[in-house]
């Protein structure tokens, strides 16, 4: 069974700052991963970014947001960055920040 977790309080605060419909979408994607397994969930829910980094894709009335995560053993999805998306492409700055935080995942 897959487990979804957030890296720390900073990431939890980022998630909490999202509009409620996007938080609900995040929770639904998490439930989907737990129900069918991460390996069976693909686009439009999750997408590979680069290296160990993947994104959960949330969309709501107030826009689009992303939860960047890495996969850890045993069967853990660790969310390292959550942000509202303003541009087509995920910014390099967000990717760099997420990769840096991913170094703390055990």
PDB file of N, CA and C in Angstrom:
ATOM      1  N   UNK A   1       0.847  -1.195   0.000  1.00  0.00           N
ATOM      2  CA  UNK A   1       0.000   0.000   0.000  1.00  0.00           C
ATOM      3  C   UNK A   1       0.884   1.247   0.000  1.00  0.00           C
ATOM      4  N   UNK A   2       0.617   2.151  -0.907  1.00  0.00           N
ATOM      5  CA  UNK A   2       1.375   3.395  -1.010  1.00  0.00           C
ATOM      6  C   UNK A   2       0.996   4.362   0.101  1.00  0.00           C
ATOM      7  N   UNK A   3       1.979   5.114   0.567  1.00  0.00           N
ATOM      8  CA  UNK A   3       1.770   6.111   1.608  1.00  0.00           C
ATOM      9  C   UNK A   3       2.145   7.484   1.039  1.00  0.00           C
ATOM     10  N   UNK A   4       1.290   8.482   1.262  1.00  0.00           N
ATOM     11  CA  UNK A   4       1.569   9.848   0.795  1.00  0.00           C
ATOM     12  C   UNK A   4       1.963  10.665   2.023  1.00  0.00           C
ATOM     13  N   UNK A   5       3.096  11.360   1.941  1.00  0.00           N
ATOM     14  CA  UNK A   5       3.510  12.192   3.075  1.00  0.00           C
ATOM     15  C   UNK A   5       4.119  13.501   2.580  1.00  0.00           C
ATOM     16  N   UNK A   6       4.096  14.497   3.456  1.00  0.00           N
ATOM     17  CA  UNK A   6       4.751  15.765   3.123  1.00  0.00           C
ATOM     18  C   UNK A   6       6.070  15.807   3.884  1.00  0.00           C
ATOM     19  N   UNK A   7       7.070  16.431   3.268  1.00  0.00           N
ATOM     20  CA  UNK A   7       8.428  16.438   3.812  1.00  0.00           C
ATOM     21  C   UNK A   7       8.499  17.067   5.204  1.00  0.00           C
ATOM     22  N   UNK A   8       7.858  18.243   5.369  1.00  0.00           N
ATOM     23  CA  UNK A   8       7.981  18.966   6.638  1.00  0.00           C
ATOM     24  C   UNK A   8       6.846  20.003   6.788  1.00  0.00           C
ATOM     25  N   UNK A   9       6.923  20.801   7.839  1.00  0.00           N
ATOM     26  CA  UNK A   9       5.887  21.806   8.122  1.00  0.00           C
ATOM     27  C   UNK A   9       5.817  22.889   7.043  1.00  0.00           C
ATOM     28  N   UNK A  10       6.956  23.218   6.440  1.00  0.00           N
ATOM     29  CA  UNK A  10       6.984  24.241   5.388  1.00  0.00           C
ATOM     30  C   UNK A  10       6.117  23.778   4.208  1.00  0.00           C
ATOM     31  N   UNK A  11       6.292  22.527   3.804  1.00  0.00           N
ATOM     32  CA  UNK A  11       5.529  21.978   2.680  1.00  0.00           C
ATOM     33  C   UNK A  11       4.048  21.871   3.058  1.00  0.00           C
ATOM     34  N   UNK A  12       3.774  21.510   4.308  1.00  0.00           N
ATOM     35  CA  UNK A  12       2.388  21.424   4.777  1.00  0.00           C
ATOM     36  C   UNK A  12       1.725  22.803   4.715  1.00  0.00           C
ATOM     37  N   UNK A  13       2.473  23.852   5.067  1.00  0.00           N
ATOM     38  CA  UNK A  13       1.945  25.216   5.003  1.00  0.00           C
ATOM     39  C   UNK A  13       1.682  25.622   3.550  1.00  0.00           C
ATOM     40  N   UNK A  14       2.562  25.221   2.628  1.00  0.00           N
ATOM     41  CA  UNK A  14       2.356  25.510   1.208  1.00  0.00           C
ATOM     42  C   UNK A  14       1.070  24.855   0.717  1.00  0.00           C
ATOM     43  N   UNK A  15       0.865  23.605   1.126  1.00  0.00           N
ATOM     44  CA  UNK A  15      -0.340  22.874   0.729  1.00  0.00           C
ATOM     45  C   UNK A  15      -1.583  23.535   1.326  1.00  0.00           C
ATOM     46  N   UNK A  16      -1.520  23.900   2.585  1.00  0.00           N
ATOM     47  CA  UNK A  16      -2.659  24.518   3.280  1.00  0.00           C
ATOM     48  C   UNK A  16      -3.044  25.870   2.681  1.00  0.00           C
ATOM     49  N   UNK A  17      -2.082  26.531   2.032  1.00  0.00           N
ATOM     50  CA  UNK A  17      -2.334  27.851   1.454  1.00  0.00           C
ATOM     51  C   UNK A  17      -3.117  27.780   0.137  1.00  0.00           C
ATOM     52  N   UNK A  18      -3.259  26.592  -0.436  1.00  0.00           N
ATOM     53  CA  UNK A  18      -3.989  26.451  -1.702  1.00  0.00           C
ATOM     54  C   UNK A  18      -5.488  26.630  -1.484  1.00  0.00           C
ATOM     55  N   UNK A  19      -6.222  27.006  -2.546  1.00  0.00           N
ATOM     56  CA  UNK A  19      -7.688  27.067  -2.446  1.00  0.00           C
ATOM     57  C   UNK A  19      -8.239  25.671  -2.109  1.00  0.00           C
ATOM     58  N   UNK A  20      -9.374  25.621  -1.424  1.00  0.00           N
ATOM     59  CA  UNK A  20      -9.914  24.349  -0.946  1.00  0.00           C
ATOM     60  C   UNK A  20     -10.198  23.336  -2.051  1.00  0.00           C
ATOM     61  N   UNK A  21     -10.622  23.798  -3.243  1.00  0.00           N
ATOM     62  CA  UNK A  21     -10.908  22.826  -4.305  1.00  0.00           C
ATOM     63  C   UNK A  21      -9.621  22.169  -4.818  1.00  0.00           C
ATOM     64  N   UNK A  22      -8.498  22.889  -4.746  1.00  0.00           N
ATOM     65  CA  UNK A  22      -7.224  22.293  -5.169  1.00  0.00           C
ATOM     66  C   UNK A  22      -6.680  21.340  -4.107  1.00  0.00           C
ATOM     67  N   UNK A  23      -6.919  21.665  -2.835  1.00  0.00           N
ATOM     68  CA  UNK A  23      -6.537  20.745  -1.754  1.00  0.00           C
ATOM     69  C   UNK A  23      -7.351  19.454  -1.901  1.00  0.00           C
ATOM     70  N   UNK A  24      -8.634  19.587  -2.206  1.00  0.00           N
ATOM     71  CA  UNK A  24      -9.494  18.414  -2.399  1.00  0.00           C
ATOM     72  C   UNK A  24      -8.970  17.561  -3.553  1.00  0.00           C
ATOM     73  N   UNK A  25      -8.524  18.210  -4.615  1.00  0.00           N
ATOM     74  CA  UNK A  25      -7.972  17.492  -5.773  1.00  0.00           C
ATOM     75  C   UNK A  25      -6.694  16.748  -5.391  1.00  0.00           C
ATOM     76  N   UNK A  26      -5.832  17.402  -4.599  1.00  0.00           N
ATOM     77  CA  UNK A  26      -4.610  16.775  -4.090  1.00  0.00           C
ATOM     78  C   UNK A  26      -4.956  15.503  -3.309  1.00  0.00           C
ATOM     79  N   UNK A  27      -5.964  15.624  -2.437  1.00  0.00           N
ATOM     80  CA  UNK A  27      -6.377  14.478  -1.627  1.00  0.00           C
ATOM     81  C   UNK A  27      -6.955  13.358  -2.496  1.00  0.00           C
ATOM     82  N   UNK A  28      -7.710  13.744  -3.534  1.00  0.00           N
ATOM     83  CA  UNK A  28      -8.262  12.730  -4.453  1.00  0.00           C
ATOM     84  C   UNK A  28      -7.159  11.987  -5.197  1.00  0.00           C
ATOM     85  N   UNK A  29      -6.135  12.712  -5.647  1.00  0.00           N
ATOM     86  CA  UNK A  29      -5.009  12.060  -6.336  1.00  0.00           C
ATOM     87  C   UNK A  29      -4.303  11.110  -5.365  1.00  0.00           C
ATOM     88  N   UNK A  30      -4.135  11.566  -4.120  1.00  0.00           N
ATOM     89  CA  UNK A  30      -3.526  10.706  -3.085  1.00  0.00           C
ATOM     90  C   UNK A  30      -4.337   9.439  -2.866  1.00  0.00           C
ATOM     91  N   UNK A  31      -5.656   9.584  -2.794  1.00  0.00           N
ATOM     92  CA  UNK A  31      -6.533   8.412  -2.629  1.00  0.00           C
ATOM     93  C   UNK A  31      -6.412   7.469  -3.816  1.00  0.00           C
ATOM     94  N   UNK A  32      -6.327   8.044  -5.015  1.00  0.00           N
ATOM     95  CA  UNK A  32      -6.194   7.244  -6.234  1.00  0.00           C
ATOM     96  C   UNK A  32      -4.895   6.429  -6.207  1.00  0.00           C
ATOM     97  N   UNK A  33      -3.803   7.082  -5.803  1.00  0.00           N
ATOM     98  CA  UNK A  33      -2.503   6.393  -5.711  1.00  0.00           C
ATOM     99  C   UNK A  33      -2.601   5.241  -4.715  1.00  0.00           C
ATOM    100  N   UNK A  34      -3.262   5.486  -3.570  1.00  0.00           N
ATOM    101  CA  UNK A  34      -3.395   4.435  -2.569  1.00  0.00           C
ATOM    102  C   UNK A  34      -4.316   3.309  -3.044  1.00  0.00           C
ATOM    103  N   UNK A  35      -5.324   3.643  -3.826  1.00  0.00           N
ATOM    104  CA  UNK A  35      -6.288   2.648  -4.292  1.00  0.00           C
ATOM    105  C   UNK A  35      -5.728   1.731  -5.375  1.00  0.00           C
ATOM    106  N   UNK A  36      -5.043   2.310  -6.380  1.00  0.00           N
ATOM    107  CA  UNK A  36      -4.601   1.490  -7.515  1.00  0.00           C
ATOM    108  C   UNK A  36      -3.082   1.335  -7.606  1.00  0.00           C
ATOM    109  N   UNK A  37      -2.329   2.086  -6.804  1.00  0.00           N
ATOM    110  CA  UNK A  37      -0.870   2.008  -6.849  1.00  0.00           C
ATOM    111  C   UNK A  37      -0.298   3.086  -7.755  1.00  0.00           C
ATOM    112  N   UNK A  38       0.798   3.680  -7.335  1.00  0.00           N
ATOM    113  CA  UNK A  38       1.411   4.786  -8.078  1.00  0.00           C
ATOM    114  C   UNK A  38       1.751   4.397  -9.512  1.00  0.00           C
ATOM    115  N   UNK A  39       2.188   3.154  -9.699  1.00  0.00           N
ATOM    116  CA  UNK A  39       2.599   2.715 -11.039  1.00  0.00           C
ATOM    117  C   UNK A  39       1.439   2.689 -12.034  1.00  0.00           C
ATOM    118  N   UNK A  40       0.191   2.719 -11.537  1.00  0.00           N
ATOM    119  CA  UNK A  40      -0.974   2.669 -12.434  1.00  0.00           C
ATOM    120  C   UNK A  40      -1.651   4.024 -12.595  1.00  0.00           C
ATOM    121  N   UNK A  41      -1.090   5.068 -11.971  1.00  0.00           N
ATOM    122  CA  UNK A  41      -1.645   6.418 -12.091  1.00  0.00           C
ATOM    123  C   UNK A  41      -0.756   7.212 -13.039  1.00  0.00           C
ATOM    124  N   UNK A  42      -1.351   7.810 -14.064  1.00  0.00           N
ATOM    125  CA  UNK A  42      -0.563   8.582 -15.025  1.00  0.00           C
ATOM    126  C   UNK A  42      -1.196   9.934 -15.267  1.00  0.00           C
ATOM    127  N   UNK A  43      -0.914  10.505 -16.439  1.00  0.00           N
ATOM    128  CA  UNK A  43      -1.528  11.779 -16.789  1.00  0.00           C
ATOM    129  C   UNK A  43      -3.031  11.571 -16.918  1.00  0.00           C
ATOM    130  N   UNK A  44      -3.853  12.518 -16.586  1.00  0.00           N
ATOM    131  CA  UNK A  44      -3.520  13.903 -16.234  1.00  0.00           C
ATOM    132  C   UNK A  44      -3.193  14.124 -14.756  1.00  0.00           C
ATOM    133  N   UNK A  45      -3.161  13.061 -13.950  1.00  0.00           N
ATOM    134  CA  UNK A  45      -2.978  13.213 -12.500  1.00  0.00           C
ATOM    135  C   UNK A  45      -1.533  13.472 -12.096  1.00  0.00           C
ATOM    136  N   UNK A  46      -0.623  12.664 -12.621  1.00  0.00           N
ATOM    137  CA  UNK A  46       0.797  12.818 -12.296  1.00  0.00           C
ATOM    138  C   UNK A  46       1.619  12.813 -13.576  1.00  0.00           C
ATOM    139  N   UNK A  47       2.783  13.467 -13.505  1.00  0.00           N
ATOM    140  CA  UNK A  47       3.649  13.546 -14.671  1.00  0.00           C
ATOM    141  C   UNK A  47       5.099  13.656 -14.211  1.00  0.00           C
ATOM    142  N   UNK A  48       6.014  13.017 -14.949  1.00  0.00           N
ATOM    143  CA  UNK A  48       7.435  13.100 -14.614  1.00  0.00           C
ATOM    144  C   UNK A  48       7.984  14.474 -15.013  1.00  0.00           C
ATOM    145  N   UNK A  49       8.814  15.059 -14.171  1.00  0.00           N
ATOM    146  CA  UNK A  49       9.433  16.364 -14.456  1.00  0.00           C
ATOM    147  C   UNK A  49      10.869  16.150 -14.931  1.00  0.00           C
ATOM    148  N   UNK A  50      11.726  15.717 -14.005  1.00  0.00           N
ATOM    149  CA  UNK A  50      13.115  15.406 -14.367  1.00  0.00           C
ATOM    150  C   UNK A  50      13.760  14.662 -13.212  1.00  0.00           C
ATOM    151  N   UNK A  51      14.734  13.817 -13.535  1.00  0.00           N
ATOM    152  CA  UNK A  51      15.430  13.051 -12.497  1.00  0.00           C
ATOM    153  C   UNK A  51      14.435  12.335 -11.596  1.00  0.00           C
ATOM    154  N   UNK A  52      14.563  12.506 -10.279  1.00  0.00           N
ATOM    155  CA  UNK A  52      13.661  11.815  -9.355  1.00  0.00           C
ATOM    156  C   UNK A  52      12.328  12.562  -9.146  1.00  0.00           C
ATOM    157  N   UNK A  53      12.184  13.706  -9.799  1.00  0.00           N
ATOM    158  CA  UNK A  53      11.060  14.602  -9.528  1.00  0.00           C
ATOM    159  C   UNK A  53       9.828  14.333 -10.395  1.00  0.00           C
ATOM    160  N   UNK A  54       8.680  14.244  -9.737  1.00  0.00           N
ATOM    161  CA  UNK A  54       7.387  14.070 -10.397  1.00  0.00           C
ATOM    162  C   UNK A  54       6.456  15.152  -9.877  1.00  0.00           C
ATOM    163  N   UNK A  55       5.331  15.368 -10.572  1.00  0.00           N
ATOM    164  CA  UNK A  55       4.362  16.351 -10.088  1.00  0.00           C
ATOM    165  C   UNK A  55       2.966  15.757 -10.045  1.00  0.00           C
ATOM    166  N   UNK A  56       2.209  16.183  -9.006  1.00  0.00           N
ATOM    167  CA  UNK A  56       0.774  15.929  -8.942  1.00  0.00           C
ATOM    168  C   UNK A  56       0.147  17.190  -9.502  1.00  0.00           C
ATOM    169  N   UNK A  57      -0.844  17.024 -10.380  1.00  0.00           N
ATOM    170  CA  UNK A  57      -1.403  18.171 -11.087  1.00  0.00           C
ATOM    171  C   UNK A  57      -2.804  18.483 -10.572  1.00  0.00           C
ATOM    172  N   UNK A  58      -2.940  19.652  -9.927  1.00  0.00           N
ATOM    173  CA  UNK A  58      -4.225  20.061  -9.378  1.00  0.00           C
ATOM    174  C   UNK A  58      -4.761  21.252 -10.157  1.00  0.00           C
ATOM    175  N   UNK A  59      -6.055  21.195 -10.428  1.00  0.00           N
ATOM    176  CA  UNK A  59      -6.713  22.283 -11.148  1.00  0.00           C
ATOM    177  C   UNK A  59      -8.004  22.602 -10.410  1.00  0.00           C
ATOM    178  N   UNK A  60      -8.303  23.889 -10.278  1.00  0.00           N
ATOM    179  CA  UNK A  60      -9.520  24.289  -9.582  1.00  0.00           C
ATOM    180  C   UNK A  60     -10.082  25.559 -10.183  1.00  0.00           C
ATOM    181  N   UNK A  61     -11.130  26.065  -9.586  1.00  0.00           N
ATOM    182  CA  UNK A  61     -11.760  27.308 -10.072  1.00  0.00           C
ATOM    183  C   UNK A  61     -10.784  28.474 -10.076  1.00  0.00           C
ATOM    184  N   UNK A  62      -9.890  28.499  -9.093  1.00  0.00           N
ATOM    185  CA  UNK A  62      -8.972  29.634  -8.948  1.00  0.00           C
ATOM    186  C   UNK A  62      -7.623  29.429  -9.613  1.00  0.00           C
ATOM    187  N   UNK A  63      -7.529  28.445 -10.506  1.00  0.00           N
ATOM    188  CA  UNK A  63      -6.264  28.266 -11.215  1.00  0.00           C
ATOM    189  C   UNK A  63      -5.702  26.868 -11.092  1.00  0.00           C
ATOM    190  N   UNK A  64      -4.391  26.784 -11.267  1.00  0.00           N
ATOM    191  CA  UNK A  64      -3.693  25.504 -11.322  1.00  0.00           C
ATOM    192  C   UNK A  64      -2.582  25.505 -10.281  1.00  0.00           C
ATOM    193  N   UNK A  65      -2.368  24.361  -9.665  1.00  0.00           N
ATOM    194  CA  UNK A  65      -1.239  24.240  -8.742  1.00  0.00           C
ATOM    195  C   UNK A  65      -0.572  22.895  -8.947  1.00  0.00           C
ATOM    196  N   UNK A  66       0.623  22.781  -8.392  1.00  0.00           N
ATOM    197  CA  UNK A  66       1.402  21.556  -8.518  1.00  0.00           C
ATOM    198  C   UNK A  66       1.966  21.158  -7.163  1.00  0.00           C
ATOM    199  N   UNK A  67       2.059  19.851  -6.954  1.00  0.00           N
ATOM    200  CA  UNK A  67       2.746  19.301  -5.786  1.00  0.00           C
ATOM    201  C   UNK A  67       3.884  18.460  -6.356  1.00  0.00           C
ATOM    202  N   UNK A  68       5.111  18.904  -6.148  1.00  0.00           N
ATOM    203  CA  UNK A  68       6.267  18.164  -6.649  1.00  0.00           C
ATOM    204  C   UNK A  68       6.660  17.136  -5.597  1.00  0.00           C
ATOM    205  N   UNK A  69       6.955  15.913  -6.066  1.00  0.00           N
ATOM    206  CA  UNK A  69       7.277  14.848  -5.125  1.00  0.00           C
ATOM    207  C   UNK A  69       8.362  13.923  -5.660  1.00  0.00           C
ATOM    208  N   UNK A  70       8.923  13.151  -4.725  1.00  0.00           N
ATOM    209  CA  UNK A  70       9.871  12.094  -5.077  1.00  0.00           C
ATOM    210  C   UNK A  70       9.324  10.795  -4.495  1.00  0.00           C
ATOM    211  N   UNK A  71       9.770   9.694  -5.067  1.00  0.00           N
ATOM    212  CA  UNK A  71       9.346   8.384  -4.586  1.00  0.00           C
ATOM    213  C   UNK A  71      10.453   7.834  -3.695  1.00  0.00           C
ATOM    214  N   UNK A  72      10.073   7.342  -2.513  1.00  0.00           N
ATOM    215  CA  UNK A  72      11.046   6.763  -1.585  1.00  0.00           C
ATOM    216  C   UNK A  72      10.583   5.357  -1.228  1.00  0.00           C
ATOM    217  N   UNK A  73      11.482   4.576  -0.695  1.00  0.00           N
ATOM    218  CA  UNK A  73      11.121   3.220  -0.297  1.00  0.00           C
ATOM    219  C   UNK A  73      10.700   3.235   1.158  1.00  0.00           C
ATOM    220  N   UNK A  74       9.855   2.366   1.638  1.00  0.00           N
ATOM    221  CA  UNK A  74       9.067   1.419   0.856  1.00  0.00           C
ATOM    222  C   UNK A  74       7.732   2.041   0.446  1.00  0.00           C
ATOM    223  N   UNK A  75       7.483   2.167  -0.833  1.00  0.00           N
ATOM    224  CA  UNK A  75       6.217   2.661  -1.384  1.00  0.00           C
ATOM    225  C   UNK A  75       5.749   3.960  -0.737  1.00  0.00           C
ATOM    226  N   UNK A  76       6.612   4.983  -0.774  1.00  0.00           N
ATOM    227  CA  UNK A  76       6.279   6.284  -0.206  1.00  0.00           C
ATOM    228  C   UNK A  76       6.360   7.352  -1.283  1.00  0.00           C
ATOM    229  N   UNK A  77       5.366   8.246  -1.280  1.00  0.00           N
ATOM    230  CA  UNK A  77       5.374   9.432  -2.130  1.00  0.00           C
ATOM    231  C   UNK A  77       5.620  10.585  -1.162  1.00  0.00           C
ATOM    232  N   UNK A  78       6.749  11.269  -1.329  1.00  0.00           N
ATOM    233  CA  UNK A  78       7.102  12.360  -0.414  1.00  0.00           C
ATOM    234  C   UNK A  78       6.996  13.693  -1.167  1.00  0.00           C
ATOM    235  N   UNK A  79       6.025  14.508  -0.763  1.00  0.00           N
ATOM    236  CA  UNK A  79       5.809  15.812  -1.398  1.00  0.00           C
ATOM    237  C   UNK A  79       6.838  16.789  -0.829  1.00  0.00           C
ATOM    238  N   UNK A  80       7.618  17.427  -1.740  1.00  0.00           N
ATOM    239  CA  UNK A  80       8.697  18.328  -1.311  1.00  0.00           C
ATOM    240  C   UNK A  80       8.424  19.798  -1.623  1.00  0.00           C
ATOM    241  N   UNK A  81       7.441  20.078  -2.490  1.00  0.00           N
ATOM    242  CA  UNK A  81       7.119  21.478  -2.827  1.00  0.00           C
ATOM    243  C   UNK A  81       5.704  21.567  -3.380  1.00  0.00           C
ATOM    244  N   UNK A  82       4.954  22.559  -2.902  1.00  0.00           N
ATOM    245  CA  UNK A  82       3.599  22.811  -3.408  1.00  0.00           C
ATOM    246  C   UNK A  82       3.519  24.288  -3.772  1.00  0.00           C
ATOM    247  N   UNK A  83       2.981  24.587  -4.964  1.00  0.00           N
ATOM    248  CA  UNK A  83       2.890  25.989  -5.387  1.00  0.00           C
ATOM    249  C   UNK A  83       1.766  26.169  -6.394  1.00  0.00           C
ATOM    250  N   UNK A  84       1.293  27.425  -6.489  1.00  0.00           N
ATOM    251  CA  UNK A  84       0.297  27.793  -7.506  1.00  0.00           C
ATOM    252  C   UNK A  84       1.066  28.020  -8.798  1.00  0.00           C
ATOM    253  N   UNK A  85       0.542  27.500  -9.874  1.00  0.00           N
ATOM    254  CA  UNK A  85       1.233  27.601 -11.163  1.00  0.00           C
ATOM    255  C   UNK A  85       0.754  28.832 -11.917  1.00  0.00           C
ATOM    256  N   UNK A  86       1.696  29.654 -12.363  1.00  0.00           N
ATOM    257  CA  UNK A  86       1.351  30.901 -13.038  1.00  0.00           C
ATOM    258  C   UNK A  86       1.677  30.879 -14.533  1.00  0.00           C
ATOM    259  N   UNK A  87       2.589  29.993 -14.945  1.00  0.00           N
ATOM    260  CA  UNK A  87       3.030  29.951 -16.340  1.00  0.00           C
ATOM    261  C   UNK A  87       2.814  28.559 -16.926  1.00  0.00           C
ATOM    262  N   UNK A  88       2.934  28.458 -18.255  1.00  0.00           N
ATOM    263  CA  UNK A  88       2.792  27.160 -18.937  1.00  0.00           C
ATOM    264  C   UNK A  88       3.771  26.138 -18.379  1.00  0.00           C
ATOM    265  N   UNK A  89       5.030  26.560 -18.294  1.00  0.00           N
ATOM    266  CA  UNK A  89       6.090  25.651 -17.917  1.00  0.00           C
ATOM    267  C   UNK A  89       6.449  25.850 -16.447  1.00  0.00           C
ATOM    268  N   UNK A  90       6.691  24.750 -15.738  1.00  0.00           N
ATOM    269  CA  UNK A  90       7.125  24.850 -14.345  1.00  0.00           C
ATOM    270  C   UNK A  90       8.489  25.532 -14.329  1.00  0.00           C
ATOM    271  N   UNK A  91       8.611  26.575 -13.515  1.00  0.00           N
ATOM    272  CA  UNK A  91       9.845  27.362 -13.530  1.00  0.00           C
ATOM    273  C   UNK A  91      11.037  26.578 -12.997  1.00  0.00           C
ATOM    274  N   UNK A  92      12.195  26.923 -13.528  1.00  0.00           N
ATOM    275  CA  UNK A  92      13.461  26.300 -13.137  1.00  0.00           C
ATOM    276  C   UNK A  92      13.669  26.466 -11.622  1.00  0.00           C
ATOM    277  N   UNK A  93      13.285  27.654 -11.126  1.00  0.00           N
ATOM    278  CA  UNK A  93      13.449  27.956  -9.700  1.00  0.00           C
ATOM    279  C   UNK A  93      12.688  26.951  -8.833  1.00  0.00           C
ATOM    280  N   UNK A  94      11.451  26.633  -9.232  1.00  0.00           N
ATOM    281  CA  UNK A  94      10.638  25.661  -8.481  1.00  0.00           C
ATOM    282  C   UNK A  94      11.272  24.274  -8.528  1.00  0.00           C
ATOM    283  N   UNK A  95      11.761  23.895  -9.700  1.00  0.00           N
ATOM    284  CA  UNK A  95      12.389  22.578  -9.863  1.00  0.00           C
ATOM    285  C   UNK A  95      13.652  22.481  -9.005  1.00  0.00           C
ATOM    286  N   UNK A  96      14.490  23.536  -9.051  1.00  0.00           N
ATOM    287  CA  UNK A  96      15.722  23.545  -8.250  1.00  0.00           C
ATOM    288  C   UNK A  96      15.420  23.448  -6.755  1.00  0.00           C
ATOM    289  N   UNK A  97      14.416  24.206  -6.302  1.00  0.00           N
ATOM    290  CA  UNK A  97      14.028  24.183  -4.891  1.00  0.00           C
ATOM    291  C   UNK A  97      13.565  22.785  -4.491  1.00  0.00           C
ATOM    292  N   UNK A  98      12.739  22.171  -5.328  1.00  0.00           N
ATOM    293  CA  UNK A  98      12.225  20.825  -5.039  1.00  0.00           C
ATOM    294  C   UNK A  98      13.360  19.800  -5.004  1.00  0.00           C
ATOM    295  N   UNK A  99      14.294  19.907  -5.949  1.00  0.00           N
ATOM    296  CA  UNK A  99      15.427  18.966  -5.973  1.00  0.00           C
ATOM    297  C   UNK A  99      16.283  19.130  -4.717  1.00  0.00           C
ATOM    298  N   UNK A 100      16.470  20.382  -4.285  1.00  0.00           N
ATOM    299  CA  UNK A 100      17.255  20.634  -3.076  1.00  0.00           C
ATOM    300  C   UNK A 100      16.567  20.019  -1.859  1.00  0.00           C
ATOM    301  N   UNK A 101      15.244  20.241  -1.747  1.00  0.00           N
ATOM    302  CA  UNK A 101      14.496  19.661  -0.629  1.00  0.00           C
ATOM    303  C   UNK A 101      14.481  18.131  -0.687  1.00  0.00           C
ATOM    304  N   UNK A 102      14.484  17.587  -1.900  1.00  0.00           N
ATOM    305  CA  UNK A 102      14.441  16.116  -2.072  1.00  0.00           C
ATOM    306  C   UNK A 102      15.672  15.437  -1.471  1.00  0.00           C
ATOM    307  N   UNK A 103      16.761  16.201  -1.341  1.00  0.00           N
ATOM    308  CA  UNK A 103      17.970  15.647  -0.738  1.00  0.00           C
ATOM    309  C   UNK A 103      17.739  15.249   0.717  1.00  0.00           C
ATOM    310  N   UNK A 104      16.723  15.857   1.362  1.00  0.00           N
ATOM    311  CA  UNK A 104      16.421  15.554   2.761  1.00  0.00           C
ATOM    312  C   UNK A 104      15.545  14.312   2.933  1.00  0.00           C
ATOM    313  N   UNK A 105      15.080  13.740   1.843  1.00  0.00           N
ATOM    314  CA  UNK A 105      14.203  12.571   1.936  1.00  0.00           C
ATOM    315  C   UNK A 105      15.051  11.332   2.243  1.00  0.00           C
ATOM    316  N   UNK A 106      14.654  10.629   3.280  1.00  0.00           N
ATOM    317  CA  UNK A 106      15.395   9.421   3.688  1.00  0.00           C
ATOM    318  C   UNK A 106      14.755   8.203   3.053  1.00  0.00           C
TER     319      UNK A 106
END
